[in-house]
Amino acid sequence: MANYDYTVVTAQGDVRITTTSHHSEHDSINKWISAHRPTINATLAAKRVQVLAVYSDHSKK
């Protein structure tokens, strides 16, 4: 099973996420963000996080 690396850019700071599910397995990037929002919020210790961009780091390899 492959690992996929992402950088989520937020107003509060950047979050790096490694997951076994590719973002295309979700119907949209918004659904991918929703699925990973608990991790994003916990990493930043925030209840609400404004996501500005998502970069797929695995496409750079």
Protein backbone atom coordinates (compact mmCIF):
# COMPACT_ATOMS: atom_id res chain seq x y z
CA MET A 1 0.00 0.00 0.00
CA ALA A 2 1.38 3.38 -0.99
CA ASN A 3 1.77 6.40 1.24
CA TYR A 4 0.78 9.84 -0.03
CA ASP A 5 2.23 13.03 1.44
CA TYR A 6 0.34 16.31 1.53
CA THR A 7 0.99 19.78 2.85
CA VAL A 8 -2.11 21.62 4.00
CA VAL A 9 -1.52 25.37 4.08
CA THR A 10 -3.70 27.15 6.63
CA ALA A 11 -3.94 30.63 8.07
CA GLN A 12 -2.61 29.16 11.34
CA GLY A 13 0.36 27.30 9.82
CA ASP A 14 1.22 24.39 7.56
CA VAL A 15 0.31 20.79 8.36
CA ARG A 16 2.00 17.77 6.77
CA ILE A 17 -0.16 14.68 6.39
CA THR A 18 0.87 11.21 5.27
CA THR A 19 -2.03 8.94 4.39
CA THR A 20 -2.63 5.69 2.57
CA SER A 21 -5.64 7.10 0.71
CA HIS A 22 -5.04 9.24 -2.35
CA HIS A 23 -7.10 12.43 -2.53
CA SER A 24 -8.78 11.16 -5.72
CA GLU A 25 -10.46 8.44 -3.64
CA HIS A 26 -12.65 11.22 -2.23
CA ASP A 27 -15.12 12.81 -4.64
CA SER A 28 -13.56 16.25 -4.20
CA ILE A 29 -10.68 17.96 -2.45
CA ASN A 30 -13.24 19.46 -0.05
CA LYS A 31 -14.26 15.94 1.02
CA TRP A 32 -10.59 15.02 1.44
CA ILE A 33 -10.12 18.07 3.67
CA SER A 34 -13.23 17.16 5.67
CA ALA A 35 -11.96 13.61 6.18
CA HIS A 36 -8.62 14.93 7.47
CA ARG A 37 -9.93 17.95 9.37
CA PRO A 38 -9.61 16.25 12.80
CA THR A 39 -5.89 15.70 12.13
CA ILE A 40 -5.43 19.23 10.81
CA ASN A 41 -7.21 20.81 13.78
CA ALA A 42 -5.42 18.61 16.33
CA THR A 43 -2.01 19.35 14.83
CA LEU A 44 -2.65 23.08 15.12
CA ALA A 45 -4.47 22.75 18.46
CA ALA A 46 -7.36 24.74 17.04
CA LYS A 47 -11.11 24.20 16.83
CA ARG A 48 -11.45 26.10 13.57
CA VAL A 49 -8.84 26.20 10.83
CA GLN A 50 -9.00 28.10 7.56
CA VAL A 51 -7.50 25.91 4.82
CA LEU A 52 -5.90 28.01 2.09
CA ALA A 53 -4.34 25.31 -0.12
CA VAL A 54 -3.45 21.63 -0.32
CA TYR A 55 -0.30 20.44 -2.07
CA SER A 56 0.37 16.83 -2.94
CA ASP A 57 4.03 16.36 -2.06
CA HIS A 58 4.09 12.91 -3.68
CA SER A 59 3.72 14.50 -7.13
CA LYS A 60 7.17 16.12 -6.68
CA LYS A 61 8.96 12.75 -6.42
